[in-house]
Amino acid sequence: MGIKESIGRIKKEIPSNVALLAATKGRSVEEIKEALRCGLSAIGENYAQEMEKKYAALKNEAEFHFIGGLQKNKIKKVLDMCSLIQSVDSIELAEEIDKKAKRKVDVLIQVNIGKEKSKAGAMPEKLIPVIKEISKLRNIRIKGLMCIEPYSENPEEARIYFRNMRELSEKIKKQNIPNVGMKILSMGMSDTYKIAIEEGSNMVRIGTAIFGKRKTI
């Protein structure tokens, strides 16, 4: 199945209120252009250097989100290119973004919902204190939450993590913290997006299901 057919199928499967973000790590400009011709408008990149090359070619065609681990020495570069940083995982990173920003920066707070040592993100039990601290920063606007669910061969096992994320989002919303809006819940990838949407996701980050498996060198 080609990119056009894959996007057509996914669009039929997701509600109109759910944003489809193409996860484009390792994908060529040509592949991304094809996806954009099929009606996608936003892409997510994991690495600043890779984003820079694609931004030069596609800045007038696509909205860029940063979805990977953000190194502090790459913050300024990323800020110049993207409209949403989905992977703010600590107070320290948010403070660095705040210092380097020359405008209001929209971010999502990444949650380590599976409490995995190998993954970044604020721990669920510490999330509200972290958000309260970040909300005080002048150049940061918190727009919601993001997670990368623990991998399982059975996508159904991700459901509990997505449900917990939705509950966290609702809990934070009720706190009415200034400068914090829980408008975006970014969760669900190629194998799990249908379940994520059932549990409240309104933004899915899909790579393989759009582009196919990445070619190994």
Protein backbone atom coordinates (compact mmCIF):
# COMPACT_ATOMS: atom_id res chain seq x y z
CA MET A 1 0.00 0.00 0.00
CA GLY A 2 1.37 3.40 -0.99
CA ILE A 3 1.45 6.62 1.01
CA LYS A 4 -1.72 7.99 -0.60
CA GLU A 5 -3.70 4.82 0.09
CA SER A 6 -2.38 4.57 3.65
CA ILE A 7 -3.34 8.14 4.49
CA GLY A 8 -6.76 7.67 2.93
CA ARG A 9 -7.37 4.58 5.09
CA ILE A 10 -6.17 6.27 8.29
CA LYS A 11 -8.29 9.35 7.66
CA LYS A 12 -11.37 7.13 7.37
CA GLU A 13 -10.50 5.51 10.70
CA ILE A 14 -9.99 8.64 12.78
CA PRO A 15 -12.62 11.23 13.78
CA SER A 16 -12.44 14.74 12.35
CA ASN A 17 -11.46 16.19 15.74
CA VAL A 18 -8.26 14.11 15.87
CA ALA A 19 -5.13 15.70 14.37
CA LEU A 20 -2.95 13.42 12.26
CA LEU A 21 0.75 14.17 12.67
CA ALA A 22 3.12 12.39 10.28
CA ALA A 23 6.15 11.12 12.20
CA THR A 24 8.88 11.65 9.64
CA LYS A 25 12.11 10.47 11.30
CA GLY A 26 14.28 8.89 8.61
CA ARG A 27 11.86 9.77 5.81
CA SER A 28 12.92 11.60 2.66
CA VAL A 29 11.69 15.01 1.57
CA GLU A 30 10.06 13.30 -1.42
CA GLU A 31 8.09 10.93 0.84
CA ILE A 32 6.98 13.82 3.03
CA LYS A 33 5.92 15.89 0.02
CA GLU A 34 3.74 13.03 -1.13
CA ALA A 35 2.09 12.89 2.30
CA LEU A 36 1.49 16.65 2.20
CA ARG A 37 -0.12 16.33 -1.22
CA CYS A 38 -2.55 13.89 0.39
CA GLY A 39 -3.83 16.54 2.78
CA LEU A 40 -1.48 16.30 5.76
CA SER A 41 -0.22 19.61 7.07
CA ALA A 42 1.88 18.81 10.15
CA ILE A 43 4.98 16.67 10.57
CA GLY A 44 6.89 15.57 13.66
CA GLU A 45 10.66 15.33 13.79
CA ASN A 46 12.87 13.69 16.43
CA TYR A 47 16.25 15.26 15.71
CA ALA A 48 17.17 18.93 15.33
CA GLN A 49 19.73 18.29 12.58
CA GLU A 50 17.31 16.22 10.51
CA MET A 51 14.57 18.77 11.06
CA GLU A 52 16.86 21.54 9.84
CA LYS A 53 17.41 19.85 6.47
CA LYS A 54 13.71 19.16 5.98
CA TYR A 55 12.68 22.61 7.18
CA ALA A 56 14.83 24.20 4.49
CA ALA A 57 12.90 22.26 1.85
CA LEU A 58 9.42 22.26 3.36
CA LYS A 59 9.02 25.33 5.57
CA ASN A 60 6.36 26.81 3.28
CA GLU A 61 4.46 23.55 2.99
CA ALA A 62 4.28 22.04 6.48
CA GLU A 63 3.92 22.87 10.14
CA PHE A 64 6.77 21.34 12.15
CA HIS A 65 6.47 19.76 15.59
CA PHE A 66 9.42 18.50 17.62
CA ILE A 67 8.65 15.11 19.16
CA GLY A 68 12.05 13.74 20.22
CA GLY A 69 14.42 14.27 23.10
CA LEU A 70 15.56 17.88 22.97
CA GLN A 71 19.17 18.63 23.86
CA LYS A 72 19.70 21.99 25.51
CA ASN A 73 22.29 23.06 22.94
CA LYS A 74 19.74 22.49 20.14
CA ILE A 75 16.92 24.52 21.67
CA LYS A 76 17.47 27.74 19.72
CA LYS A 77 17.68 25.86 16.42
CA VAL A 78 14.42 24.01 17.14
CA LEU A 79 12.62 27.16 18.31
CA ASP A 80 13.29 28.81 14.95
CA MET A 81 11.61 25.97 13.09
CA CYS A 82 8.71 24.45 14.98
CA SER A 83 5.30 25.56 16.18
CA LEU A 84 4.95 22.98 18.97
CA ILE A 85 7.51 21.19 21.14
CA GLN A 86 5.80 18.01 22.27
CA SER A 87 8.62 16.62 24.39
CA VAL A 88 9.20 18.97 27.33
CA ASP A 89 10.02 16.46 30.03
CA SER A 90 11.41 18.52 32.91
CA ILE A 91 11.40 21.88 34.64
CA GLU A 92 15.07 22.33 33.68
CA LEU A 93 14.40 21.91 29.95
CA ALA A 94 11.43 24.29 30.13
CA GLU A 95 13.61 26.90 31.87
CA GLU A 96 16.20 26.66 29.10
CA ILE A 97 13.52 27.06 26.44
CA ASP A 98 12.14 30.06 28.32
CA LYS A 99 15.59 31.70 28.43
CA LYS A 100 16.27 31.23 24.72
CA ALA A 101 12.79 32.05 23.44
CA LYS A 102 12.03 35.40 21.83
CA ARG A 103 8.32 34.62 21.66
CA LYS A 104 5.68 32.56 23.42
CA VAL A 105 6.45 28.88 22.86
CA ASP A 106 3.69 26.27 22.79
CA VAL A 107 4.66 23.00 24.45
CA LEU A 108 3.28 19.69 25.58
CA ILE A 109 4.54 18.06 28.75
CA GLN A 110 5.85 14.57 28.09
CA VAL A 111 4.72 12.04 30.69
CA ASN A 112 6.59 8.81 31.39
CA ILE A 113 3.28 7.03 31.76
CA GLY A 114 4.84 3.57 31.93
CA LYS A 115 7.52 4.69 34.43
CA GLU A 116 10.18 3.18 32.19
CA LYS A 117 13.83 3.85 33.00
CA SER A 118 14.67 3.96 29.29
CA LYS A 119 12.15 6.71 28.52
CA ALA A 120 12.04 10.43 29.20
CA GLY A 121 9.11 12.24 30.72
CA ALA A 122 7.74 13.54 33.99
CA MET A 123 6.59 10.81 36.34
CA PRO A 124 2.79 10.76 36.69
CA GLU A 125 2.85 11.32 40.46
CA LYS A 126 5.07 14.40 40.03
CA LEU A 127 3.28 15.82 37.02
CA ILE A 128 1.13 18.47 38.70
CA PRO A 129 4.04 20.05 40.67
CA VAL A 130 6.14 20.03 37.47
CA ILE A 131 3.37 21.71 35.48
CA LYS A 132 2.81 24.32 38.19
CA GLU A 133 6.48 25.29 38.08
CA ILE A 134 6.65 25.40 34.28
CA SER A 135 3.44 27.44 34.11
CA LYS A 136 5.23 30.33 35.86
CA LEU A 137 7.69 30.78 32.97
CA ARG A 138 7.01 33.88 30.90
CA ASN A 139 7.68 32.46 27.43
CA ILE A 140 6.05 29.02 27.81
CA ARG A 141 2.43 28.06 27.11
CA ILE A 142 1.42 24.56 28.13
CA LYS A 143 -1.08 23.19 25.61
CA GLY A 144 -1.46 19.64 26.88
CA LEU A 145 0.26 16.30 27.41
CA MET A 146 2.15 13.76 25.34
CA CYS A 147 3.27 10.20 26.02
CA ILE A 148 5.09 7.32 24.37
CA GLU A 149 3.39 4.18 25.59
CA PRO A 150 5.41 1.09 26.61
CA TYR A 151 5.95 -1.23 23.67
CA SER A 152 3.97 -4.45 23.52
CA GLU A 153 3.25 -6.90 20.73
CA ASN A 154 -0.38 -6.65 21.81
CA PRO A 155 -1.60 -3.07 21.18
CA GLU A 156 -4.51 -3.61 23.58
CA GLU A 157 -2.03 -3.54 26.48
CA ALA A 158 -1.51 0.18 25.79
CA ARG A 159 -5.11 0.97 26.71
CA ILE A 160 -4.52 1.33 30.45
CA TYR A 161 -1.68 3.82 29.83
CA PHE A 162 -3.83 5.93 27.52
CA ARG A 163 -6.68 5.84 30.02
CA ASN A 164 -4.33 6.99 32.77
CA MET A 165 -3.14 9.83 30.55
CA ARG A 166 -6.69 11.00 29.92
CA GLU A 167 -7.40 10.93 33.65
CA LEU A 168 -4.26 12.98 34.33
CA SER A 169 -5.30 15.51 31.69
CA GLU A 170 -8.77 15.83 33.22
CA LYS A 171 -7.30 16.19 36.72
CA ILE A 172 -4.98 18.99 35.61
CA LYS A 173 -7.78 20.74 33.75
CA LYS A 174 -9.84 20.90 36.95
CA GLN A 175 -6.97 22.66 38.74
CA ASN A 176 -7.37 25.74 36.49
CA ILE A 177 -3.65 26.48 36.59
CA PRO A 178 -2.86 29.83 34.91
CA ASN A 179 -1.09 29.52 31.55
CA VAL A 180 -2.05 25.84 31.27
CA GLY A 181 -4.59 24.48 28.80
CA MET A 182 -5.24 20.77 28.39
CA LYS A 183 -6.39 21.11 24.78
CA ILE A 184 -4.05 18.51 23.28
CA LEU A 185 -3.61 14.89 24.30
CA SER A 186 -0.93 13.54 21.96
CA MET A 187 -0.83 9.76 22.22
CA GLY A 188 -1.00 6.78 19.94
CA MET A 189 1.34 5.64 17.17
CA SER A 190 1.09 3.31 14.18
CA ASP A 191 0.11 0.18 16.15
CA THR A 192 -1.96 1.86 18.84
CA TYR A 193 -3.66 4.95 17.43
CA LYS A 194 -7.14 3.43 17.28
CA ILE A 195 -7.03 2.46 20.96
CA ALA A 196 -5.52 5.83 21.90
CA ILE A 197 -8.39 7.64 20.18
CA GLU A 198 -10.93 5.45 22.00
CA GLU A 199 -9.30 6.57 25.26
CA GLY A 200 -9.32 10.28 24.45
CA SER A 201 -6.35 11.11 22.21
CA ASN A 202 -6.93 14.04 19.88
CA MET A 203 -3.51 13.93 18.20
CA VAL A 204 -1.83 10.79 16.86
CA ARG A 205 1.78 10.54 15.68
CA ILE A 206 2.00 8.04 12.84
CA GLY A 207 5.05 7.02 10.81
CA THR A 208 5.17 3.38 9.72
CA ALA A 209 1.43 3.12 9.01
CA ILE A 210 1.79 6.05 6.57
CA PHE A 211 5.20 5.46 5.00
CA GLY A 212 5.83 1.76 5.54
CA LYS A 213 8.83 0.31 7.34
CA ARG A 214 12.00 2.37 7.23
CA LYS A 215 14.67 0.97 4.96
CA THR A 216 17.67 -0.37 6.83
CA ILE A 217 21.12 0.39 5.45
